[in-house]
Protein backbone atom coordinates (compact mmCIF):
# COMPACT_ATOMS: atom_id res chain seq x y z
CA UNK A 1 4.32 -35.01 15.68
CA UNK A 2 2.61 -32.05 16.15
CA UNK A 3 1.72 -29.78 13.26
CA UNK A 4 4.05 -26.60 12.40
CA UNK A 5 2.28 -23.79 13.05
CA UNK A 6 2.55 -20.44 10.59
CA UNK A 7 4.13 -18.45 13.70
CA UNK A 8 6.90 -21.13 13.35
CA UNK A 9 7.32 -21.26 9.93
CA UNK A 10 7.56 -17.09 9.85
CA UNK A 11 10.36 -17.29 12.43
CA UNK A 12 12.22 -20.07 10.63
CA UNK A 13 12.53 -17.86 7.23
CA UNK A 14 13.44 -14.65 8.89
CA UNK A 15 16.34 -16.55 10.97
CA UNK A 16 17.27 -18.37 7.62
CA UNK A 17 17.62 -14.65 6.14
CA UNK A 18 19.19 -13.34 8.83
CA UNK A 19 21.69 -15.82 9.01
CA UNK A 20 22.09 -15.65 4.86
CA UNK A 21 25.67 -13.98 3.22
CA UNK A 22 23.27 -13.44 0.43
CA UNK A 23 21.46 -10.93 2.15
CA UNK A 24 24.12 -10.10 4.51
CA UNK A 25 24.41 -5.86 3.17
CA UNK A 26 20.55 -5.89 5.48
CA UNK A 27 20.65 -5.75 9.09
CA UNK A 28 19.23 -8.26 10.62
CA UNK A 29 16.54 -5.47 12.56
CA UNK A 30 15.18 -4.93 9.24
CA UNK A 31 14.33 -8.63 8.40
CA UNK A 32 11.05 -8.97 10.34
CA UNK A 33 7.43 -10.00 10.18
CA UNK A 34 4.77 -7.52 9.15
CA UNK A 35 3.27 -5.79 11.60
CA UNK A 36 0.40 -4.32 9.94
CA UNK A 37 -0.15 -1.03 8.63
CA UNK A 38 -2.25 1.99 10.67
CA UNK A 39 -5.49 2.64 9.15
CA UNK A 40 -5.21 5.07 6.41
CA UNK A 41 -1.67 4.75 6.04
CA UNK A 42 -0.13 4.43 2.47
CA UNK A 43 2.78 1.86 1.89
CA UNK A 44 5.28 4.13 1.60
CA UNK A 45 4.84 5.82 5.13
CA UNK A 46 4.72 2.50 6.90
CA UNK A 47 7.78 1.62 5.52
CA UNK A 48 9.58 4.83 6.22
CA UNK A 49 8.03 4.43 9.99
CA UNK A 50 8.67 0.64 10.00
CA UNK A 51 12.85 1.02 9.10
CA UNK A 52 15.23 3.06 10.32
CA UNK A 53 17.39 2.33 7.61
CA UNK A 54 16.99 0.52 4.11
CA UNK A 55 17.31 -2.04 2.67
CA UNK A 56 14.40 -4.01 4.60
CA UNK A 57 12.31 -7.23 4.28
CA UNK A 58 9.25 -7.86 5.22
CA UNK A 59 7.76 -11.45 5.79
CA UNK A 60 4.39 -11.79 5.41
CA UNK A 61 1.82 -14.99 5.28
CA UNK A 62 -0.27 -14.77 2.50
CA UNK A 63 -2.67 -17.74 3.38
CA UNK A 64 -3.03 -21.21 2.42
CA UNK A 65 -4.73 -24.17 0.34
CA UNK A 66 -5.26 -27.74 1.53
CA UNK A 67 -6.27 -31.25 -0.16
CA UNK A 68 -6.58 -34.18 1.82
CA UNK A 69 -3.81 -37.12 1.33
CA UNK A 70 -6.44 -39.74 2.73
CA UNK A 71 -9.97 -40.99 2.59
CA UNK A 72 -10.49 -40.89 6.30
CA UNK A 73 -8.83 -36.94 5.89
CA UNK A 74 -6.25 -37.38 8.35
CA UNK A 75 -3.21 -36.11 6.38
CA UNK A 76 -3.41 -33.16 4.54
CA UNK A 77 -0.98 -31.55 2.25
CA UNK A 78 -0.92 -27.42 2.73
CA UNK A 79 0.29 -25.11 0.05
CA UNK A 80 1.08 -22.04 2.52
CA UNK A 81 2.19 -18.78 0.32
CA UNK A 82 4.60 -16.18 1.79
CA UNK A 83 5.15 -13.03 0.62
CA UNK A 84 8.38 -11.11 0.78
CA UNK A 85 8.41 -7.26 0.60
CA UNK A 86 11.51 -5.67 -0.23
CA UNK A 87 11.98 -2.47 -0.38
CA UNK A 88 15.21 0.08 -1.03
CA UNK A 89 15.27 3.98 -0.30
CA UNK A 90 17.89 6.41 -1.45
CA UNK A 91 17.85 10.53 -1.25
CA UNK A 92 19.34 9.78 -4.93
CA UNK A 93 16.61 9.07 -6.47
CA UNK A 94 13.71 6.46 -7.36
CA UNK A 95 16.12 4.61 -10.08
CA UNK A 96 18.79 4.25 -7.45
CA UNK A 97 16.33 2.50 -5.00
CA UNK A 98 15.27 0.07 -7.97
CA UNK A 99 18.34 -0.47 -9.79
CA UNK A 100 21.10 0.03 -7.03
CA UNK A 101 23.96 2.48 -6.56
CA UNK A 102 27.61 2.92 -6.82
CA UNK A 103 29.50 0.26 -5.80
CA UNK A 104 28.00 -1.37 -2.83
CA UNK A 105 26.34 1.68 -1.32
CA UNK A 106 22.77 0.49 -1.31
CA UNK A 107 21.63 -2.75 -3.27
CA UNK A 108 18.46 -1.62 -5.28
CA UNK A 109 15.79 -3.72 -4.98
CA UNK A 110 16.42 -5.36 -8.21
CA UNK A 111 19.32 -6.95 -6.80
CA UNK A 112 17.44 -8.17 -3.62
CA UNK A 113 15.08 -9.95 -5.24
CA UNK A 114 17.67 -11.90 -7.18
CA UNK A 115 19.52 -12.45 -4.19
CA UNK A 116 16.31 -13.69 -2.37
CA UNK A 117 15.31 -16.07 -5.24
CA UNK A 118 18.75 -17.66 -4.73
CA UNK A 119 18.28 -18.10 -1.17
CA UNK A 120 14.35 -19.06 -1.19
CA UNK A 121 14.15 -21.30 -3.70
CA UNK A 122 14.48 -24.83 -2.16
CA UNK A 123 15.16 -24.28 0.96
CA UNK A 124 13.79 -25.73 3.85
CA UNK A 125 14.47 -23.33 6.38
CA UNK A 126 15.54 -26.43 8.58
CA UNK A 127 11.85 -27.61 9.19
CA UNK A 128 10.43 -31.15 7.67
CA UNK A 129 8.72 -29.19 4.47
CA UNK A 130 9.35 -29.66 1.16
CA UNK A 131 11.39 -26.92 -0.32
CA UNK A 132 10.43 -23.33 -1.12
CA UNK A 133 9.03 -23.06 -4.74
CA UNK A 134 9.18 -19.43 -6.56
CA UNK A 135 5.53 -18.07 -7.75
CA UNK A 136 5.38 -14.30 -8.60
CA UNK A 137 7.04 -11.06 -8.00
CA UNK A 138 5.20 -7.63 -8.54
CA UNK A 139 5.74 -3.52 -7.93
CA UNK A 140 4.09 -2.58 -4.20
CA UNK A 141 5.26 0.99 -4.46
CA UNK A 142 7.82 3.23 -6.56
CA UNK A 143 8.29 6.79 -6.14
CA UNK A 144 9.72 9.24 -4.00
CA UNK A 145 13.25 7.44 -3.69
CA UNK A 146 11.46 4.46 -2.17
CA UNK A 147 11.33 1.17 -4.50
CA UNK A 148 9.24 -1.88 -3.01
CA UNK A 149 8.49 -5.05 -4.58
CA UNK A 150 6.54 -8.34 -3.49
CA UNK A 151 7.67 -11.56 -4.05
CA UNK A 152 5.70 -14.67 -3.39
CA UNK A 153 7.21 -18.07 -2.53
CA UNK A 154 4.98 -21.80 -1.61
CA UNK A 155 5.89 -23.91 0.65
CA UNK A 156 3.77 -27.23 1.08
CA UNK A 157 3.66 -28.79 4.06
CA UNK A 158 2.26 -31.74 5.51
CA UNK A 159 -0.46 -31.36 8.61
CA UNK A 160 -2.21 -34.28 10.70
CA UNK A 161 -5.77 -33.57 11.85
CA UNK A 162 -5.97 -33.89 15.76
CA UNK A 163 -8.69 -36.01 17.09
C-alpha cells in the first residue's frame, strides 16, 4: 500500500470539516489550506485579504517527527502536526470576535475552538490513521475586530520505506 501524503491528509481534514455539522456555520470556501503570507504582510491583512466572509479556518501542515518500528527501518511511526488557524471578524469589536455575538450572528473564536475540539479529537478522517490528538492552542492575532487563534493536533501515521 502506498504511503499517505501530506496533501492527502490535508484534503481529508478539509473535507471532514466542510461536511461537519459542528462547524456548519462556516462556509465551505472559508475552510481551506494555507496558501502562504505575502512578503511583509501581517496576519490580520492576510486573513482579511484571503476571506470574503468570516468566520474561517485555515489548515496548516506543521511538520513531523518519526521513529523506526523495526531494526531494518522499513516501518516508521510518523507523528504529523496540523495547525488550524481559526478566525472571526466583526465590526462590533474584538470582544465579539473572540466571544461571539448575539444569538448566532457570529460564533466567535472561542466557540470555533470548542467545536473543532469536538470534531477533531479521535477523528480518523476516513484514512488508515490513528485518531487526531489535541496538543495546544494559542493566540495568533487579536485586534481591530479580528480574533485569530491556532490550535494544533497530532496525527500518527505509519509509513513504509519504499525500496
